[in-house]
Protein backbone atom coordinates (compact mmCIF):
# COMPACT_ATOMS: atom_id res chain seq x y z
CA UNK A 1 0.00 0.00 0.00
CA UNK A 2 1.49 3.32 -1.07
CA UNK A 3 1.80 6.21 1.37
CA UNK A 4 -0.33 9.18 0.33
CA UNK A 5 1.42 12.12 -1.31
CA UNK A 6 0.47 15.58 -0.08
CA UNK A 7 1.15 18.71 -2.13
CA UNK A 8 -0.53 21.22 0.18
CA UNK A 9 0.74 20.33 3.64
CA UNK A 10 3.26 22.78 5.06
CA UNK A 11 3.77 21.39 8.56
CA UNK A 12 6.15 18.58 9.34
CA UNK A 13 4.02 17.27 12.23
CA UNK A 14 0.99 16.76 9.97
CA UNK A 15 3.13 15.12 7.29
CA UNK A 16 4.55 12.56 9.71
CA UNK A 17 1.46 11.96 11.84
CA UNK A 18 -0.73 11.77 8.75
CA UNK A 19 1.56 9.06 7.38
CA UNK A 20 2.21 11.02 4.21
CA UNK A 21 5.21 10.17 2.09
CA UNK A 22 8.25 12.26 3.05
CA UNK A 23 11.38 12.18 0.93
CA UNK A 24 14.06 12.21 3.60
CA UNK A 25 16.17 15.38 3.45
CA UNK A 26 16.95 15.55 7.15
CA UNK A 27 20.69 15.04 6.64
CA UNK A 28 20.78 18.53 5.11
CA UNK A 29 19.04 19.97 8.15
CA UNK A 30 21.48 18.17 10.43
CA UNK A 31 24.29 19.87 8.53
CA UNK A 32 22.69 23.24 9.32
CA UNK A 33 21.74 22.75 12.97
CA UNK A 34 24.81 20.86 14.11
CA UNK A 35 26.90 24.01 13.98
CA UNK A 36 27.21 25.80 17.32
CA UNK A 37 25.75 28.90 15.72
CA UNK A 38 24.29 29.30 12.25
CA UNK A 39 22.83 32.25 10.33
CA UNK A 40 21.51 31.25 6.88
CA UNK A 41 19.61 32.62 3.92
CA UNK A 42 18.30 30.41 1.13
CA UNK A 43 15.99 31.30 -1.75
CA UNK A 44 14.10 28.83 -3.91
CA UNK A 45 11.24 29.09 -6.40
CA UNK A 46 7.71 28.75 -5.09
CA UNK A 47 6.27 25.32 -4.29
CA UNK A 48 9.65 23.80 -3.53
CA UNK A 49 8.99 22.98 0.13
CA UNK A 50 10.40 26.10 1.82
CA UNK A 51 7.57 26.32 4.35
CA UNK A 52 7.90 22.62 5.16
CA UNK A 53 11.63 23.11 5.74
CA UNK A 54 10.92 25.92 8.22
CA UNK A 55 8.53 23.57 10.05
CA UNK A 56 11.22 20.87 10.13
CA UNK A 57 13.71 23.29 11.65
CA UNK A 58 11.17 24.41 14.23
CA UNK A 59 10.60 20.83 15.36
CA UNK A 60 14.33 20.15 15.54
CA UNK A 61 14.89 23.20 17.74
CA UNK A 62 11.87 22.33 19.87
CA UNK A 63 13.59 19.02 20.61
CA UNK A 64 10.81 16.89 19.06
CA UNK A 65 13.14 13.99 18.29
CA UNK A 66 10.47 11.29 18.11
CA UNK A 67 8.87 12.97 15.09
CA UNK A 68 12.07 12.12 13.21
CA UNK A 69 12.18 8.44 14.09
CA UNK A 70 13.17 6.43 11.04
CA UNK A 71 14.70 9.45 9.30
CA UNK A 72 18.39 10.12 8.73
CA UNK A 73 18.79 12.79 11.39
CA UNK A 74 17.42 10.54 14.16
CA UNK A 75 20.65 8.56 14.49
CA UNK A 76 23.05 11.41 13.73
CA UNK A 77 24.87 13.16 16.60
CA UNK A 78 22.74 16.04 17.89
CA UNK A 79 21.71 17.09 21.41
CA UNK A 80 17.98 17.71 20.68
CA UNK A 81 17.92 20.57 23.15
CA UNK A 82 14.80 22.75 23.19
CA UNK A 83 15.26 26.43 22.33
CA UNK A 84 12.85 29.39 22.23
CA UNK A 85 11.77 29.60 18.58
CA UNK A 86 10.40 32.72 16.89
CA UNK A 87 8.69 31.52 13.72
CA UNK A 88 7.42 34.20 11.32
CA UNK A 89 5.60 33.59 8.05
CA UNK A 90 5.64 37.03 6.43
CA UNK A 91 3.15 35.95 3.75
CA UNK A 92 0.42 36.00 6.39
CA UNK A 93 0.79 39.76 6.85
CA UNK A 94 -1.40 42.14 4.85
CA UNK A 95 0.98 43.87 2.42
CA UNK A 96 -1.41 46.35 0.82
CA UNK A 97 0.23 49.24 2.66
CA UNK A 98 3.15 49.89 4.97
CA UNK A 99 0.77 50.41 7.91
CA UNK A 100 -0.99 47.10 7.27
CA UNK A 101 2.34 45.32 6.97
CA UNK A 102 3.47 46.79 10.29
CA UNK A 103 0.23 45.66 11.96
CA UNK A 104 0.57 42.16 10.48
CA UNK A 105 4.13 41.84 11.77
CA UNK A 106 2.99 42.99 15.22
CA UNK A 107 0.23 40.37 15.27
CA UNK A 108 2.70 37.64 14.30
CA UNK A 109 5.03 38.69 17.11
CA UNK A 110 2.22 38.64 19.68
CA UNK A 111 1.29 35.12 18.54
CA UNK A 112 4.89 34.00 19.03
CA UNK A 113 4.99 35.67 22.43
CA UNK A 114 1.90 33.74 23.53
CA UNK A 115 3.49 30.48 22.40
CA UNK A 116 6.64 31.33 24.37
CA UNK A 117 4.63 32.53 27.39
CA UNK A 118 6.14 36.00 27.10
CA UNK A 119 4.32 39.27 27.86
CA UNK A 120 5.05 42.03 25.34
CA UNK A 121 4.37 45.75 25.68
CA UNK A 122 1.51 47.48 23.87
CA UNK A 123 3.77 49.03 21.25
CA UNK A 124 2.49 49.35 17.68
CA UNK A 125 6.01 49.44 16.24
CA UNK A 126 6.87 46.05 14.78
CA UNK A 127 10.63 46.65 14.85
CA UNK A 128 10.49 47.55 18.55
CA UNK A 129 8.32 44.52 19.38
CA UNK A 130 10.67 42.18 17.51
CA UNK A 131 13.63 43.50 19.49
CA UNK A 132 11.64 43.16 22.73
CA UNK A 133 10.57 39.59 21.94
CA UNK A 134 14.16 38.52 21.22
CA UNK A 135 15.42 40.20 24.38
CA UNK A 136 12.82 38.51 26.58
CA UNK A 137 13.09 35.12 24.83
CA UNK A 138 16.84 35.03 25.56
CA UNK A 139 16.00 34.49 29.22
CA UNK A 140 14.62 31.07 28.20
CA UNK A 141 17.71 30.22 26.15
CA UNK A 142 19.58 31.12 23.00
CA UNK A 143 16.96 32.22 20.47
CA UNK A 144 16.14 30.59 17.15
CA UNK A 145 14.58 32.79 14.43
CA UNK A 146 12.86 31.22 11.40
CA UNK A 147 11.44 33.53 8.74
CA UNK A 148 9.45 32.23 5.78
CA UNK A 149 8.58 34.28 2.67
CA UNK A 150 10.59 37.25 3.89
CA UNK A 151 10.25 38.91 0.47
CA UNK A 152 6.51 38.74 -0.15
CA UNK A 153 5.83 42.40 0.81
CA UNK A 154 8.46 43.55 -1.70
CA UNK A 155 7.31 41.21 -4.47
CA UNK A 156 3.66 42.19 -4.12
CA UNK A 157 4.44 45.92 -4.13
CA UNK A 158 7.23 45.98 -6.65
CA UNK A 159 5.77 48.89 -8.65
CA UNK A 160 3.57 50.35 -5.92
CA UNK A 161 4.02 53.95 -4.89
CA UNK A 162 4.60 52.87 -1.29
CA UNK A 163 7.39 50.37 -2.09
CA UNK A 164 9.98 52.48 -0.25
CA UNK A 165 7.82 52.61 2.88
CA UNK A 166 7.42 48.83 2.74
CA UNK A 167 11.15 48.37 2.26
CA UNK A 168 11.88 50.62 5.23
CA UNK A 169 9.49 48.69 7.47
CA UNK A 170 11.23 45.43 6.56
CA UNK A 171 14.73 46.83 6.89
CA UNK A 172 14.00 48.24 10.35
CA UNK A 173 12.38 44.95 11.29
CA UNK A 174 15.08 42.57 10.04
CA UNK A 175 18.00 44.64 11.32
CA UNK A 176 17.11 43.31 14.77
CA UNK A 177 18.59 39.99 13.69
CA UNK A 178 22.03 41.50 13.33
CA UNK A 179 21.64 43.69 16.40
CA UNK A 180 20.72 40.67 18.55
CA UNK A 181 23.55 38.45 17.35
CA UNK A 182 24.86 37.59 20.83
CA UNK A 183 21.45 36.24 21.90
CA UNK A 184 20.86 34.01 18.88
CA UNK A 185 21.52 30.30 18.37
CA UNK A 186 20.24 29.99 14.79
CA UNK A 187 18.64 32.07 12.05
CA UNK A 188 17.07 30.81 8.82
CA UNK A 189 15.44 33.15 6.28
CA UNK A 190 13.88 31.96 3.08
CA UNK A 191 11.90 33.35 0.17
CA UNK A 192 11.70 33.30 -3.61
CA UNK A 193 14.04 36.16 -4.47
CA UNK A 194 17.21 37.78 -3.22
CA UNK A 195 16.76 41.54 -3.36
CA UNK A 196 19.76 43.82 -3.46
CA UNK A 197 19.61 47.62 -3.52
CA UNK A 198 15.91 48.06 -2.82
CA UNK A 199 16.26 45.44 -0.16
CA UNK A 200 16.69 44.29 3.39
CA UNK A 201 20.16 42.90 2.78
CA UNK A 202 22.15 46.14 2.65
CA UNK A 203 22.53 46.01 6.45
CA UNK A 204 21.65 42.41 7.19
CA UNK A 205 25.05 41.09 6.14
CA UNK A 206 25.60 38.42 8.79
CA UNK A 207 23.63 35.74 6.97
CA UNK A 208 25.40 33.06 4.97
CA UNK A 209 23.71 32.80 1.58
CA UNK A 210 23.51 29.11 0.65
CA UNK A 211 21.15 29.60 -2.30
CA UNK A 212 23.73 28.45 -4.85
CA UNK A 213 25.90 26.40 -2.51
CA UNK A 214 26.83 22.99 -3.88
CA UNK A 215 26.41 21.42 -0.42
CA UNK A 216 22.71 22.41 -0.34
CA UNK A 217 21.86 22.30 -4.05
CA UNK A 218 19.57 19.25 -3.68
CA UNK A 219 18.14 20.13 -0.26
CA UNK A 220 14.88 21.05 -2.02
CA UNK A 221 13.34 19.04 -4.85
CA UNK A 222 13.87 15.38 -5.71
CA UNK A 223 16.94 14.00 -7.47
CA UNK A 224 16.54 11.20 -9.99
CA UNK A 225 17.97 8.73 -7.46
CA UNK A 226 15.36 9.83 -4.91
CA UNK A 227 12.58 9.48 -7.47
CA UNK A 228 13.71 5.94 -8.23
CA UNK A 229 13.97 5.10 -4.53
CA UNK A 230 10.62 6.54 -3.40
CA UNK A 231 8.45 6.41 -6.52
CA UNK A 232 9.74 3.58 -8.72
CA UNK A 233 6.79 1.26 -8.05
CA UNK A 234 4.30 4.03 -8.76
CA UNK A 235 6.00 4.82 -12.06
CA UNK A 236 6.01 1.18 -13.14
CA UNK A 237 2.34 0.80 -12.22
CA UNK A 238 1.38 3.88 -14.26
CA UNK A 239 3.50 2.78 -17.21
CA UNK A 240 1.84 -0.63 -17.22
CA UNK A 241 -1.60 0.94 -16.85
CA UNK A 242 -0.96 3.18 -19.85
CA UNK A 243 0.64 0.31 -21.79
CA UNK A 244 3.90 2.13 -22.44
CA UNK A 245 7.50 1.06 -22.05
CA UNK A 246 8.72 1.70 -18.49
CA UNK A 247 12.02 3.24 -19.59
CA UNK A 248 10.35 5.52 -22.10
CA UNK A 249 7.81 6.54 -19.46
CA UNK A 250 10.59 7.51 -17.05
CA UNK A 251 12.24 9.56 -19.78
CA UNK A 252 8.99 11.40 -20.45
CA UNK A 253 8.51 12.17 -16.74
CA UNK A 254 12.06 13.54 -16.60
CA UNK A 255 11.45 15.69 -19.67
CA UNK A 256 8.30 17.13 -18.13
CA UNK A 257 9.25 17.68 -14.47
CA UNK A 258 13.00 17.26 -13.88
CA UNK A 259 15.68 19.83 -14.71
CA UNK A 260 16.08 22.40 -11.93
CA UNK A 261 19.77 22.91 -11.11
CA UNK A 262 20.93 25.10 -8.21
CA UNK A 263 24.68 24.71 -8.61
CA UNK A 264 26.76 24.22 -11.73
CA UNK A 265 28.10 20.87 -10.47
CA UNK A 266 24.90 19.62 -8.84
CA UNK A 267 22.44 17.07 -10.21
CA UNK A 268 19.09 18.34 -11.41
CA UNK A 269 15.95 18.00 -9.29
CA UNK A 270 12.20 17.68 -9.80
CA UNK A 271 9.75 20.21 -8.42
CA UNK A 272 8.12 18.20 -5.59
CA UNK A 273 4.63 19.68 -6.03
CA UNK A 274 4.51 19.07 -9.78
CA UNK A 275 5.67 15.48 -9.39
CA UNK A 276 3.32 14.87 -6.47
CA UNK A 277 0.33 16.19 -8.39
CA UNK A 278 1.35 14.12 -11.41
CA UNK A 279 1.09 10.95 -9.29
CA UNK A 280 -2.09 12.10 -7.53
CA UNK A 281 -3.71 12.72 -10.93
CA UNK A 282 -2.98 9.18 -12.08
CA UNK A 283 0.05 10.00 -14.22
CA UNK A 284 -1.58 12.68 -16.36
CA UNK A 285 1.03 14.94 -17.96
CA UNK A 286 -0.09 18.48 -17.34
CA UNK A 287 1.12 21.85 -16.14
CA UNK A 288 0.78 21.76 -12.37
CA UNK A 289 3.32 24.37 -11.29
CA UNK A 290 1.63 27.30 -13.03
CA UNK A 291 -1.80 26.09 -12.03
CA UNK A 292 -0.89 26.24 -8.32
CA UNK A 293 -0.09 29.95 -8.39
CA UNK A 294 -0.32 32.97 -10.64
CA UNK A 295 2.88 34.15 -12.36
CA UNK A 296 1.55 37.73 -12.39
CA UNK A 297 4.62 39.16 -10.68
CA UNK A 298 7.06 37.78 -13.25
CA UNK A 299 5.14 38.95 -16.29
CA UNK A 300 4.44 42.32 -14.72
CA UNK A 301 8.20 42.85 -14.45
CA UNK A 302 8.97 41.54 -17.94
CA UNK A 303 6.31 43.77 -19.44
CA UNK A 304 7.14 46.88 -17.41
CA UNK A 305 10.88 46.73 -18.11
CA UNK A 306 10.63 45.62 -21.77
CA UNK A 307 13.17 42.93 -20.97
CA UNK A 308 14.68 41.18 -23.97
CA UNK A 309 13.72 37.63 -23.21
CA UNK A 310 15.56 36.22 -26.19
CA UNK A 311 18.98 37.53 -25.12
CA UNK A 312 18.72 35.65 -21.84
CA UNK A 313 18.87 32.34 -23.69
CA UNK A 314 21.79 33.25 -25.88
CA UNK A 315 24.22 35.06 -23.61
CA UNK A 316 26.50 33.54 -21.01
CA UNK A 317 25.69 35.33 -17.76
CA UNK A 318 28.46 36.18 -15.22
CA UNK A 319 27.89 34.71 -11.77
CA UNK A 320 27.79 38.12 -10.07
CA UNK A 321 24.85 39.17 -12.27
CA UNK A 322 22.82 36.22 -11.01
CA UNK A 323 23.58 36.92 -7.36
CA UNK A 324 20.77 39.34 -6.63
CA UNK A 325 17.57 40.95 -7.84
CA UNK A 326 17.70 44.73 -8.21
CA UNK A 327 14.41 46.55 -8.71
CA UNK A 328 16.22 49.74 -9.77
CA UNK A 329 18.06 47.99 -12.62
CA UNK A 330 15.94 45.04 -13.68
CA UNK A 331 17.57 42.19 -15.58
CA UNK A 332 15.82 39.10 -16.87
CA UNK A 333 18.50 36.57 -15.91
CA UNK A 334 18.50 36.84 -12.08
CA UNK A 335 14.74 37.35 -11.99
CA UNK A 336 13.93 34.27 -14.04
CA UNK A 337 16.63 32.13 -12.42
CA UNK A 338 15.64 32.89 -8.83
CA UNK A 339 11.96 32.40 -9.51
CA UNK A 340 12.52 29.05 -11.23
CA UNK A 341 11.45 29.87 -14.76
CA UNK A 342 15.02 29.34 -15.93
CA UNK A 343 17.79 27.20 -14.55
CA UNK A 344 21.49 26.53 -15.07
CA UNK A 345 21.98 24.53 -18.26
CA UNK A 346 25.78 24.72 -18.42
CA UNK A 347 28.71 26.82 -17.26
CA UNK A 348 32.25 27.75 -18.21
CA UNK A 349 35.06 29.73 -16.62
CA UNK A 350 36.77 32.66 -18.33
CA UNK A 351 39.30 34.99 -16.67
CA UNK A 352 38.44 33.55 -13.25
CA UNK A 353 34.75 34.34 -13.74
CA UNK A 354 32.07 31.65 -13.90
CA UNK A 355 29.67 32.17 -16.78
CA UNK A 356 26.27 30.46 -16.89
CA UNK A 357 24.05 29.45 -19.81
CA UNK A 358 20.40 29.42 -18.78
CA UNK A 359 17.42 27.52 -20.18
CA UNK A 360 13.99 26.30 -19.17
CA UNK A 361 14.22 23.51 -16.58
CA UNK A 362 11.69 21.27 -18.29
CA UNK A 363 8.76 20.99 -20.68
CA UNK A 364 6.22 21.92 -18.02
CA UNK A 365 7.82 25.31 -17.37
CA UNK A 366 8.68 26.01 -21.00
CA UNK A 367 5.25 25.47 -22.52
CA UNK A 368 3.35 27.30 -19.79
CA UNK A 369 5.79 30.20 -19.63
CA UNK A 370 5.87 30.79 -23.36
CA UNK A 371 2.09 30.63 -23.65
CA UNK A 372 1.91 33.25 -20.89
CA UNK A 373 4.69 35.31 -22.48
CA UNK A 374 2.98 35.45 -25.87
CA UNK A 375 -0.32 36.23 -24.16
CA UNK A 376 1.36 38.98 -22.11
CA UNK A 377 3.07 40.63 -25.07
CA UNK A 378 -0.07 40.55 -27.22
CA UNK A 379 -2.60 40.85 -24.37
CA UNK A 380 -4.52 37.89 -25.76
CA UNK A 381 -6.15 35.29 -23.57
CA UNK A 382 -4.41 31.97 -23.10
CA UNK A 383 -7.10 29.97 -24.91
CA UNK A 384 -6.70 32.01 -28.12
CA UNK A 385 -2.91 31.73 -27.91
CA UNK A 386 -3.07 27.96 -27.42
CA UNK A 387 -5.48 27.43 -30.34
CA UNK A 388 -3.30 29.40 -32.73
CA UNK A 389 -0.16 27.63 -31.56
CA UNK A 390 -1.75 24.28 -32.46
CA UNK A 391 -2.66 25.67 -35.91
CA UNK A 392 0.91 26.88 -36.35
CA UNK A 393 2.27 23.46 -35.40
CA UNK A 394 0.09 21.84 -38.06
CA UNK A 395 1.19 24.44 -40.61
CA UNK A 396 4.85 23.82 -39.84
CA UNK A 397 4.43 20.06 -40.21
CA UNK A 398 2.67 20.59 -43.52
CA UNK A 399 5.22 23.21 -44.65
CA UNK A 400 2.29 25.62 -45.02
CA UNK A 401 4.14 28.93 -44.91
CA UNK A 402 1.09 31.02 -45.82
CA UNK A 403 -0.65 29.92 -42.60
CA UNK A 404 2.55 30.51 -40.65
CA UNK A 405 2.65 34.05 -42.00
CA UNK A 406 -1.01 34.72 -41.19
CA UNK A 407 -0.70 33.55 -37.57
CA UNK A 408 2.48 35.53 -36.94
CA UNK A 409 0.78 38.64 -38.32
CA UNK A 410 -2.22 38.12 -36.05
CA UNK A 411 0.02 37.89 -32.98
CA UNK A 412 1.90 41.06 -33.91
CA UNK A 413 -1.32 42.91 -34.70
CA UNK A 414 -2.65 42.09 -31.24
CA UNK A 415 0.09 44.03 -29.44
CA UNK A 416 -1.60 47.06 -27.82
CA UNK A 417 -0.38 50.43 -29.08
CA UNK A 418 0.76 51.41 -25.57
CA UNK A 419 3.18 48.48 -25.51
CA UNK A 420 4.84 49.31 -28.83
CA UNK A 421 7.66 51.60 -27.71
CA UNK A 422 10.11 48.73 -28.13
CA UNK A 423 8.61 47.04 -31.15
CA UNK A 424 11.82 45.54 -32.51
CA UNK A 425 12.42 43.70 -29.23
CA UNK A 426 8.78 42.59 -29.14
CA UNK A 427 8.99 41.21 -32.70
CA UNK A 428 11.95 39.09 -31.76
CA UNK A 429 10.47 37.99 -28.43
CA UNK A 430 7.15 37.01 -29.95
CA UNK A 431 8.54 35.18 -32.99
CA UNK A 432 11.14 33.40 -30.89
CA UNK A 433 8.58 32.40 -28.25
CA UNK A 434 5.93 31.33 -30.74
CA UNK A 435 8.28 29.02 -32.61
CA UNK A 436 9.71 27.55 -29.41
CA UNK A 437 6.15 26.71 -28.42
CA UNK A 438 5.83 24.58 -31.52
CA UNK A 439 8.31 22.09 -30.15
CA UNK A 440 10.37 22.66 -33.29
CA UNK A 441 14.13 23.00 -33.17
CA UNK A 442 14.80 26.74 -33.33
CA UNK A 443 18.06 28.66 -33.27
CA UNK A 444 18.32 32.43 -33.13
CA UNK A 445 21.31 34.55 -34.13
CA UNK A 446 23.28 31.57 -35.44
CA UNK A 447 26.92 32.53 -35.94
CA UNK A 448 28.65 31.17 -39.04
CA UNK A 449 31.98 32.07 -40.62
CA UNK A 450 30.45 34.77 -42.80
CA UNK A 451 27.82 36.36 -40.62
CA UNK A 452 24.93 35.78 -38.26
CA UNK A 453 21.62 34.18 -39.23
CA UNK A 454 18.57 35.72 -37.54
CA UNK A 455 16.59 32.49 -37.12
CA UNK A 456 16.80 28.87 -38.25
CA UNK A 457 13.93 26.43 -37.74
CA UNK A 458 14.59 22.74 -38.32
CA UNK A 459 11.58 20.55 -39.03
CA UNK A 460 11.60 16.78 -39.50
CA UNK A 461 12.09 17.15 -43.28
CA UNK A 462 12.56 20.88 -43.80
CA UNK A 463 14.80 23.77 -42.77
CA UNK A 464 13.66 27.40 -42.73
CA UNK A 465 16.24 30.19 -42.74
CA UNK A 466 14.81 33.57 -41.72
CA UNK A 467 16.26 37.04 -42.12
CA UNK A 468 14.36 39.98 -40.61
CA UNK A 469 14.50 43.58 -41.82
CA UNK A 470 12.91 46.77 -40.54
CA UNK A 471 11.60 49.11 -43.27
CA UNK A 472 13.68 47.38 -45.94
CA UNK A 473 12.42 45.27 -48.85
CA UNK A 474 12.15 41.57 -48.03
CA UNK A 475 14.15 40.81 -51.18
CA UNK A 476 17.11 42.51 -49.45
CA UNK A 477 16.83 39.90 -46.71
CA UNK A 478 16.79 37.07 -49.27
CA UNK A 479 19.80 38.59 -51.03
CA UNK A 480 21.68 38.73 -47.73
CA UNK A 481 20.97 35.05 -47.00
CA UNK A 482 22.39 34.12 -50.39
CA UNK A 483 25.33 36.51 -50.34
CA UNK A 484 26.44 35.42 -46.87
CA UNK A 485 25.93 31.73 -47.62
CA UNK A 486 23.62 31.18 -44.64
CA UNK A 487 22.29 27.94 -46.12
CA UNK A 488 25.69 26.32 -46.71
CA UNK A 489 26.03 24.71 -43.23
CA UNK A 490 22.68 22.93 -43.79
CA UNK A 491 23.16 21.59 -47.31
CA UNK A 492 24.47 18.24 -46.10
CA UNK A 493 21.42 17.58 -43.89
CA UNK A 494 19.43 16.14 -46.79
CA UNK A 495 16.39 18.32 -46.03
CA UNK A 496 14.53 20.83 -48.15
CA UNK A 497 15.61 24.40 -47.41
CA UNK A 498 13.37 27.46 -47.63
CA UNK A 499 14.79 30.98 -47.42
CA UNK A 500 12.35 33.51 -45.91
CA UNK A 501 12.88 37.26 -45.92
CA UNK A 502 10.58 39.33 -43.70
CA UNK A 503 10.14 43.09 -43.70
CA UNK A 504 8.63 44.68 -40.59
CA UNK A 505 7.08 48.12 -40.98
CA UNK A 506 7.77 50.48 -38.11
CA UNK A 507 4.74 52.54 -39.12
CA UNK A 508 2.28 49.66 -39.54
CA UNK A 509 3.91 47.71 -36.71
CA UNK A 510 3.63 44.36 -38.44
CA UNK A 511 4.94 42.16 -41.23
CA UNK A 512 4.38 43.96 -44.55
CA UNK A 513 6.41 41.68 -46.80
CA UNK A 514 7.11 37.96 -46.68
CA UNK A 515 9.26 36.63 -49.51
CA UNK A 516 10.35 33.02 -49.69
CA UNK A 517 12.55 31.05 -52.02
CA UNK A 518 13.32 27.35 -52.20
CA UNK A 519 16.93 26.26 -52.39
CA UNK A 520 17.51 24.16 -55.47
């Protein structure tokens, strides 16, 4: 009989006492708590088990050893001493204004005080109350502070007029952690992002950031070995039920849900919620990660900043660029990496600097993200986008370039006038995203010995070579493809080759010419 899998339980006690399946990660927690004193920060994308990890730490520091019976940490050396724990989930505070945030933090502190049997003053200043709670809790013992979703007030107010007031509330609040250093046994802060300048970290510099530490890279999510250990029977049962080869079924599951990498040398991991829902839904391949939460924040940023999404896939990103998230100078790479929409595909070292190549972690994230991206750029609903993508897939398979042209025009025509200040970037983003959605092999800005090809799409029996121009005749684009010999690297593939020149009109804000020519 299989243990039930829960994807919405955030407390360790309920997971264990409810006999839910728990993939044992307690050796990582032992590594953290076994130090005499530890101050840590770790960010991970949403639905990766951050809240559950905070609950695990709380039970360790409460000395609840019997909850861990049968798990790795149970037999590892640790004193299981009980400490006063201050556990704050910032997501529970109302973030609609700085005043509401302050009140929410005060309420959370009073709740912790009741649990610790501590009497706090009647102050309405959350920073003062936090300092008071730590000072009084130290009389019980060295204090443990656990903070979940520390960044939610910043994320939810990223373009709000009161963002600076919110930031100031948080900075004044969190600075108590550094100021109370001598009274603290352990600190653990977690969230989705790591903010920099408009942040709480400018003064809170005594935390060790283990977000991209190799030692903790697989602390969240399931490795392939863990999937085989805990879920192998389930996978075999589903494969047999669906009458598919077991090995092929495993490969498909990996393609859909594996792929998150949090250190260049670390193995990839599955998102635990996506995989859990996949099993709970009887092995139905679907997009579970997006369906469990709105990606509004991400697309709001991408749209507001006119970020060039395409460049993020083609450039190697220096490690220091990925280290933080700066609202005053938004960049796609750290935003999309920290929030889990992109992950580390590969890395290389040049001049003592580590450079990262990013890509989508898996098929689940890629398809959902690109549908949302096209919908965001064109302000079309997801159903219309999905229907036209299917039509475009059929057109590509049938080598029906007239339908391809019509659908691309309709997407470009749907871009609202107010969003057209950066039309050239939007053209490239939309066309790149649309063709990636097809599942076709697409390469942008392909470097060859004699130039750079704008776009190459490789179909099962056909290759399309695109050259884009702005306010220039499409025949100029075709002439460039021929003159530069863009098709030469593909002549030995044995596939038909079509050259396509496209002219975008800056005035009409769409494709005005589409000229194509077959290679003979």
